Amino acid sequence: MKHIVFLSRLTDEAQLLWVEHLNSQLKNQTVLLPVQIPEGEEALVDIAIVSNPNPEDLLRYPNLVWVQSLWAGVEGLVQALKSDVFNKACLNKRSLNKTSLDKRSLNKTGLDKRSLNKTGLDKTSFQLVRLIDPTLAQSMAESVLAWTLYLQRNMPCYAQQQGQKQWRKLQHKDSKDLRISMLGAGKLGLASLNLLQQLNYSLSCWTRSPKVLDGISHYHGQDGLKAMLEQTDILINLLPLTPNTHHMLNKETLVWLPKGAKLINFSRGAVVNTDDLLACLDSGQIEHAVLDVFEQEPLPVESEVWSHPKITVLPHISAPTNKKTAAKIVADNIHLYRTENKLLESVDIKLGY
């Protein structure tokens, strides 16, 4: 019988909670922690469910077919799989397996003899699938709307006024006059745009390739990015982190925004160059930034971002994974694979999404 392993760097308590939720949804299968995999049966593991795993732990299971992430974003794992460190670990594992594979364990577990020739994990031999949960998209859309309203209604200014005991009313733009631009139109981005559209905001969206979005102005390419940013009051970033989007928002692109524009970053911290953002905030080019993600998390206590008066810091809470719904989705996917040998669309390792 094939095994399913749960790999994570979460606390022991958090791992046990995830395994409990997953097993409550599965029929005729059990998700196991690595220590629960019987000795000599690592080659029987064909599915790994992961939440911030140590990528090298995947090397223990040479016949993986499917790695299912419990996160919507998989950029960190993708980068790790492409890293020199992981490649070196793969080579070391293959070398070790060539000298240590025990034929007796093969006979004990009843594995196919072809497994003898399997000398380590080929990272291209399995498919990486990220979590696609409608409740996650809904949660993100609600966060996007909440913090858009926070900026639209001048809440950061009112918070400062309270600290200074000032009673002063501020003007704000009506929704139909507020130009909101979205970077990215994946499932989370589209859900957010759909919710914003219901409140009659003036919406634009930028993606890597051309799209047609009903009622939303669309831009693509470098020229399109500049054209969109030049007419943006609030910029919302939901782009995945890839080599092409790393520090995409920097001193060159941020100045394309009108003076006094505002930023929401709910995707990945490294899409924004923090030093360049701080410079734009200090100069008044950008009025305020709501940041839920950072290049290093938790945000180091010594970071000046914490105390900057024009930054709202959030602890990566814009779209938390719901264990109950995520476990149900993963269990359904496993059932589909076991019964019909079908896998959902996987991540393109080269593109990073």
Protein backbone atom coordinates (compact mmCIF):
# COMPACT_ATOMS: atom_id res chain seq x y z
CA MET A 1 0.00 0.00 0.00
CA LYS A 2 1.23 3.48 -0.86
CA HIS A 3 1.98 5.97 1.92
CA ILE A 4 1.25 9.68 2.35
CA VAL A 5 3.72 11.68 4.42
CA PHE A 6 3.30 15.09 6.06
CA LEU A 7 6.43 17.26 5.96
CA SER A 8 6.73 20.57 7.76
CA ARG A 9 8.89 22.79 9.93
CA LEU A 10 5.88 23.79 12.02
CA THR A 11 5.80 23.03 15.74
CA ASP A 12 5.00 19.46 16.77
CA GLU A 13 1.61 20.60 18.03
CA ALA A 14 0.78 22.34 14.74
CA GLN A 15 1.86 19.30 12.73
CA LEU A 16 -0.32 16.96 14.78
CA LEU A 17 -3.28 19.31 14.32
CA TRP A 18 -2.81 19.33 10.54
CA VAL A 19 -2.52 15.53 10.42
CA GLU A 20 -5.68 15.23 12.52
CA HIS A 21 -7.64 17.48 10.14
CA LEU A 22 -6.33 15.67 7.06
CA ASN A 23 -7.06 12.20 8.39
CA SER A 24 -10.57 13.23 9.42
CA GLN A 25 -11.32 13.85 5.72
CA LEU A 26 -9.54 10.86 4.17
CA LYS A 27 -11.09 7.45 3.54
CA ASN A 28 -8.99 4.28 3.40
CA GLN A 29 -5.77 6.33 3.69
CA THR A 30 -3.78 7.77 6.56
CA VAL A 31 -1.41 10.71 6.52
CA LEU A 32 1.74 9.85 8.45
CA LEU A 33 4.52 11.87 10.00
CA PRO A 34 8.03 10.84 8.89
CA VAL A 35 8.67 8.95 12.14
CA GLN A 36 5.54 6.87 11.47
CA ILE A 37 6.72 5.59 8.08
CA PRO A 38 7.84 1.97 8.64
CA GLU A 39 11.58 1.48 8.27
CA GLY A 40 12.49 0.48 4.73
CA GLU A 41 9.19 1.68 3.25
CA GLU A 42 10.25 5.19 2.24
CA ALA A 43 10.01 4.14 -1.42
CA LEU A 44 6.30 3.42 -0.90
CA VAL A 45 5.60 7.12 -0.28
CA ASP A 46 4.13 8.65 -3.43
CA ILE A 47 2.41 11.73 -1.95
CA ALA A 48 3.88 14.37 0.35
CA ILE A 49 1.65 17.01 1.92
CA VAL A 50 3.84 19.95 2.88
CA SER A 51 3.69 23.15 4.90
CA ASN A 52 6.97 25.06 4.89
CA PRO A 53 9.03 21.86 4.64
CA ASN A 54 12.77 21.42 4.62
CA PRO A 55 13.16 20.65 0.89
CA GLU A 56 15.90 18.12 1.60
CA ASP A 57 13.37 16.02 3.52
CA LEU A 58 11.80 15.21 0.15
CA LEU A 59 14.96 13.32 -0.76
CA ARG A 60 14.04 10.55 1.68
CA TYR A 61 11.20 9.47 -0.61
CA PRO A 62 12.56 8.48 -4.05
CA ASN A 63 9.21 7.63 -5.66
CA LEU A 64 7.28 10.81 -4.98
CA VAL A 65 4.69 11.57 -7.64
CA TRP A 66 2.95 14.51 -6.06
CA VAL A 67 3.91 17.20 -3.55
CA GLN A 68 0.81 19.01 -2.29
CA SER A 69 1.40 22.37 -0.62
CA LEU A 70 -0.99 23.59 2.04
CA TRP A 71 -0.20 27.15 1.04
CA ALA A 72 -1.43 29.13 -1.96
CA GLY A 73 2.08 30.53 -2.44
CA VAL A 74 4.88 28.08 -3.24
CA GLU A 75 7.62 30.49 -4.32
CA GLY A 76 9.91 29.67 -1.41
CA LEU A 77 9.74 25.93 -2.08
CA VAL A 78 10.22 26.45 -5.82
CA GLN A 79 13.34 28.54 -5.24
CA ALA A 80 14.69 25.93 -2.83
CA LEU A 81 14.15 23.16 -5.37
CA LYS A 82 16.11 25.17 -7.94
CA SER A 83 18.93 26.07 -5.56
CA ASP A 84 22.53 24.86 -5.73
CA VAL A 85 22.20 23.55 -2.17
CA PHE A 86 19.30 21.28 -3.14
CA ASN A 87 21.08 20.12 -6.30
CA LYS A 88 24.14 19.20 -4.24
CA ALA A 89 21.95 17.34 -1.76
CA CYS A 90 20.38 15.41 -4.66
CA LEU A 91 23.79 14.36 -5.91
CA ASN A 92 24.92 13.33 -2.43
CA LYS A 93 21.74 11.30 -1.95
CA ARG A 94 22.21 9.50 -5.25
CA SER A 95 25.80 8.69 -4.36
CA LEU A 96 24.76 7.39 -0.94
CA ASN A 97 21.96 5.28 -2.38
CA LYS A 98 24.28 3.62 -4.88
CA THR A 99 26.31 2.17 -2.05
CA SER A 100 23.68 1.58 0.63
CA LEU A 101 20.50 0.32 -1.02
CA ASP A 102 19.60 -2.95 0.66
CA LYS A 103 17.99 -5.62 -1.53
CA ARG A 104 16.58 -7.28 1.55
CA SER A 105 14.39 -4.25 2.31
CA LEU A 106 13.20 -4.50 -1.29
CA ASN A 107 12.06 -8.07 -0.76
CA LYS A 108 10.50 -7.21 2.60
CA THR A 109 8.34 -4.42 1.21
CA GLY A 110 7.56 -6.08 -2.09
CA LEU A 111 8.74 -3.13 -4.16
CA ASP A 112 9.32 -3.39 -7.87
CA LYS A 113 12.94 -4.17 -8.79
CA ARG A 114 13.09 -0.94 -10.74
CA SER A 115 13.26 0.85 -7.39
CA LEU A 116 16.76 -0.56 -7.00
CA ASN A 117 17.88 1.73 -9.77
CA LYS A 118 16.25 4.75 -8.17
CA THR A 119 19.20 6.61 -6.71
CA GLY A 120 17.63 9.67 -5.13
CA LEU A 121 14.84 12.09 -5.88
CA ASP A 122 14.70 13.67 -9.29
CA LYS A 123 13.01 17.00 -8.59
CA THR A 124 11.45 16.95 -12.06
CA SER A 125 9.81 13.56 -11.43
CA PHE A 126 7.07 14.84 -9.14
CA GLN A 127 4.43 17.48 -9.59
CA LEU A 128 4.14 20.38 -7.15
CA VAL A 129 0.54 21.45 -6.56
CA ARG A 130 -0.39 24.54 -4.58
CA LEU A 131 -3.55 24.86 -2.51
CA ILE A 132 -6.52 26.30 -4.38
CA ASP A 133 -9.21 26.99 -1.80
CA PRO A 134 -12.23 29.20 -2.63
CA THR A 135 -12.41 30.27 1.01
CA LEU A 136 -8.81 31.47 0.73
CA ALA A 137 -9.75 33.64 -2.25
CA GLN A 138 -12.75 34.99 -0.35
CA SER A 139 -10.57 35.76 2.67
CA MET A 140 -8.07 37.62 0.49
CA ALA A 141 -10.83 39.58 -1.23
CA GLU A 142 -12.24 40.64 2.13
CA SER A 143 -8.79 41.76 3.31
CA VAL A 144 -8.18 43.71 0.11
CA LEU A 145 -11.51 45.50 0.53
CA ALA A 146 -10.97 46.17 4.25
CA TRP A 147 -7.56 47.75 3.79
CA THR A 148 -8.62 49.60 0.66
CA LEU A 149 -11.34 51.24 2.75
CA TYR A 150 -8.76 51.87 5.48
CA LEU A 151 -6.70 53.89 3.03
CA GLN A 152 -9.64 55.44 1.19
CA ARG A 153 -11.14 56.78 4.41
CA ASN A 154 -7.79 58.15 5.72
CA MET A 155 -7.65 55.84 8.74
CA PRO A 156 -3.85 56.16 9.19
CA CYS A 157 -4.24 59.95 9.42
CA TYR A 158 -7.08 59.69 11.93
CA ALA A 159 -4.98 57.34 14.08
CA GLN A 160 -2.18 59.91 14.12
CA GLN A 161 -4.62 62.70 14.89
CA GLN A 162 -5.96 60.75 17.86
CA GLY A 163 -2.43 60.46 19.22
CA GLN A 164 -2.08 64.21 18.88
CA LYS A 165 -5.59 64.90 20.24
CA GLN A 166 -6.62 66.61 17.00
CA TRP A 167 -10.25 66.87 15.93
CA ARG A 168 -10.12 67.43 12.18
CA LYS A 169 -12.25 66.01 9.38
CA LEU A 170 -10.46 64.89 6.21
CA GLN A 171 -11.77 64.70 2.67
CA HIS A 172 -11.75 61.40 0.81
CA LYS A 173 -12.50 60.33 -2.76
CA ASP A 174 -15.75 58.60 -3.61
CA SER A 175 -15.35 55.01 -4.78
CA LYS A 176 -16.19 55.81 -8.40
CA ASP A 177 -13.40 58.39 -8.47
CA LEU A 178 -10.79 56.27 -6.70
CA ARG A 179 -8.39 54.60 -9.13
CA ILE A 180 -7.39 51.19 -7.79
CA SER A 181 -4.83 49.13 -9.68
CA MET A 182 -4.11 45.44 -9.10
CA LEU A 183 -0.86 43.68 -9.91
CA GLY A 184 -1.79 40.08 -10.72
CA ALA A 185 -5.02 38.41 -11.77
CA GLY A 186 -4.77 34.88 -10.45
CA LYS A 187 -7.57 33.34 -8.42
CA LEU A 188 -6.91 35.62 -5.43
CA GLY A 189 -6.58 38.69 -7.61
CA LEU A 190 -9.75 37.98 -9.57
CA ALA A 191 -11.75 37.37 -6.40
CA SER A 192 -10.50 40.68 -5.02
CA LEU A 193 -11.28 42.56 -8.22
CA ASN A 194 -14.78 41.08 -8.33
CA LEU A 195 -15.51 42.28 -4.80
CA LEU A 196 -14.09 45.75 -5.44
CA GLN A 197 -16.12 45.94 -8.64
CA GLN A 198 -19.32 45.61 -6.62
CA LEU A 199 -18.50 48.90 -4.88
CA ASN A 200 -18.04 50.72 -8.18
CA TYR A 201 -14.33 51.49 -7.86
CA SER A 202 -12.40 52.55 -10.96
CA LEU A 203 -10.36 49.38 -11.52
CA SER A 204 -7.27 48.50 -13.52
CA CYS A 205 -5.16 45.35 -13.59
CA TRP A 206 -1.68 44.42 -14.82
CA THR A 207 -0.55 40.89 -15.70
CA ARG A 208 2.42 39.33 -17.45
CA SER A 209 0.41 38.42 -20.54
CA PRO A 210 -2.72 39.94 -22.14
CA LYS A 211 -6.11 39.22 -20.57
CA VAL A 212 -9.68 40.34 -21.12
CA LEU A 213 -11.44 41.31 -17.89
CA ASP A 214 -15.01 42.55 -18.07
CA GLY A 215 -15.33 46.12 -16.78
CA ILE A 216 -11.66 46.35 -15.77
CA SER A 217 -8.94 48.17 -17.69
CA HIS A 218 -6.13 45.74 -18.44
CA TYR A 219 -2.43 46.33 -19.00
CA HIS A 220 0.54 44.07 -19.64
CA GLY A 221 4.25 44.38 -20.34
CA GLN A 222 6.66 47.06 -19.11
CA ASP A 223 4.99 49.86 -21.06
CA GLY A 224 1.62 48.76 -19.76
CA LEU A 225 2.92 48.76 -16.18
CA LYS A 226 4.10 52.35 -16.47
CA ALA A 227 0.84 53.45 -18.10
CA MET A 228 -1.23 51.87 -15.33
CA LEU A 229 0.85 53.12 -12.42
CA GLU A 230 0.71 56.67 -13.73
CA GLN A 231 -3.06 56.67 -13.12
CA THR A 232 -3.26 54.88 -9.78
CA ASP A 233 -4.41 56.11 -6.38
CA ILE A 234 -4.09 52.78 -4.54
CA LEU A 235 -1.81 50.03 -5.84
CA ILE A 236 -2.48 46.47 -4.63
CA ASN A 237 0.17 43.81 -5.21
CA LEU A 238 -0.92 40.18 -5.51
CA LEU A 239 1.83 38.98 -7.85
CA PRO A 240 3.67 35.73 -7.08
CA LEU A 241 7.37 36.03 -6.33
CA THR A 242 9.43 34.93 -9.34
CA PRO A 243 12.81 35.99 -10.74
CA ASN A 244 10.89 38.45 -12.93
CA THR A 245 8.90 40.01 -10.08
CA HIS A 246 11.70 40.16 -7.49
CA HIS A 247 12.00 43.83 -6.43
CA MET A 248 9.70 44.74 -9.31
CA LEU A 249 8.42 47.66 -7.24
CA ASN A 250 11.55 49.73 -6.81
CA LYS A 251 12.85 53.30 -7.10
CA GLU A 252 12.32 53.23 -10.86
CA THR A 253 8.76 51.90 -10.92
CA LEU A 254 7.40 53.43 -7.70
CA VAL A 255 8.01 56.95 -9.00
CA TRP A 256 5.61 56.20 -11.86
CA LEU A 257 2.84 56.45 -9.29
CA PRO A 258 1.25 59.89 -8.82
CA LYS A 259 2.61 61.75 -5.80
CA GLY A 260 0.61 60.73 -2.73
CA ALA A 261 -0.43 57.29 -4.01
CA LYS A 262 -0.83 54.43 -1.54
CA LEU A 263 0.36 50.82 -1.59
CA ILE A 264 -0.99 47.50 -0.30
CA ASN A 265 1.34 44.48 -0.50
CA PHE A 266 -0.42 41.18 0.22
CA SER A 267 1.63 38.78 -1.94
CA ARG A 268 5.33 38.43 -1.13
CA GLY A 269 7.67 40.87 0.57
CA ALA A 270 10.45 40.57 -1.98
CA VAL A 271 8.27 41.93 -4.81
CA VAL A 272 8.87 45.32 -3.16
CA ASN A 273 12.33 46.78 -2.60
CA THR A 274 11.93 47.91 1.02
CA ASP A 275 14.74 50.49 0.95
CA ASP A 276 13.28 52.10 -2.17
CA LEU A 277 9.80 52.07 -0.64
CA LEU A 278 11.08 53.78 2.51
CA ALA A 279 12.73 56.46 0.39
CA CYS A 280 9.45 57.05 -1.49
CA LEU A 281 7.52 57.28 1.78
CA ASP A 282 10.02 59.74 3.23
CA SER A 283 9.89 61.94 0.13
CA GLY A 284 6.08 61.96 0.04
CA GLN A 285 5.98 60.15 -3.30
CA ILE A 286 3.93 57.47 -1.54
CA GLU A 287 1.60 58.57 1.24
CA HIS A 288 1.12 55.26 3.05
CA ALA A 289 1.86 51.54 2.70
CA VAL A 290 0.00 48.58 4.21
CA LEU A 291 2.45 45.67 4.36
CA ASP A 292 1.37 42.16 5.29
CA VAL A 293 4.43 40.37 3.89
CA PHE A 294 8.17 40.91 4.26
CA GLU A 295 11.41 39.51 2.88
CA GLN A 296 12.19 38.17 6.34
CA GLU A 297 9.37 36.90 8.54
CA PRO A 298 8.75 37.48 11.35
CA LEU A 299 9.82 41.07 10.68
CA PRO A 300 13.05 41.62 12.68
CA VAL A 301 12.55 43.78 15.77
CA GLU A 302 15.34 46.08 14.63
CA SER A 303 13.64 46.87 11.31
CA GLU A 304 12.78 50.55 10.88
CA VAL A 305 9.59 49.45 9.15
CA TRP A 306 8.01 48.81 12.57
CA SER A 307 8.13 52.44 13.65
CA HIS A 308 7.69 54.22 10.33
CA PRO A 309 4.69 56.57 10.65
CA LYS A 310 3.58 55.92 7.07
CA ILE A 311 3.56 52.12 7.26
CA THR A 312 0.91 49.80 8.67
CA VAL A 313 2.51 46.46 9.61
CA LEU A 314 0.42 43.27 9.54
CA PRO A 315 1.72 39.80 10.59
CA HIS A 316 0.90 37.95 7.34
CA ILE A 317 -2.82 37.64 8.03
CA SER A 318 -4.48 38.76 4.80
CA ALA A 319 -5.47 35.23 3.71
CA PRO A 320 -4.74 32.57 6.35
CA THR A 321 -5.21 28.92 5.41
CA ASN A 322 -8.39 27.40 6.84
CA LYS A 323 -7.37 23.95 8.10
CA LYS A 324 -10.85 22.47 7.82
CA THR A 325 -11.52 23.51 4.21
CA ALA A 326 -7.92 22.91 3.13
CA ALA A 327 -7.99 19.36 4.50
CA LYS A 328 -11.24 18.66 2.64
CA ILE A 329 -9.81 19.94 -0.65
CA VAL A 330 -6.59 17.95 -0.29
CA ALA A 331 -8.54 14.80 0.64
CA ASP A 332 -10.76 15.20 -2.42
CA ASN A 333 -7.68 15.65 -4.61
CA ILE A 334 -6.11 12.49 -3.18
CA HIS A 335 -9.31 10.53 -3.80
CA LEU A 336 -9.34 11.74 -7.41
CA TYR A 337 -5.73 10.67 -7.86
CA ARG A 338 -6.19 7.27 -6.22
CA THR A 339 -9.39 6.43 -8.13
CA GLU A 340 -8.84 8.10 -11.52
CA ASN A 341 -5.08 8.77 -11.57
CA LYS A 342 -5.77 12.47 -12.10
CA LEU A 343 -3.73 15.35 -10.70
CA LEU A 344 -4.68 19.00 -10.62
CA GLU A 345 -2.71 21.59 -12.57
CA SER A 346 0.79 21.74 -11.17
CA VAL A 347 3.23 24.58 -10.66
CA ASP A 348 5.67 25.37 -13.45
CA ILE A 349 8.99 25.12 -11.58
CA LYS A 350 10.74 27.38 -14.10
CA LEU A 351 8.12 30.13 -13.89
CA GLY A 352 7.59 29.70 -10.16
CA TYR A 353 3.79 29.58 -10.30
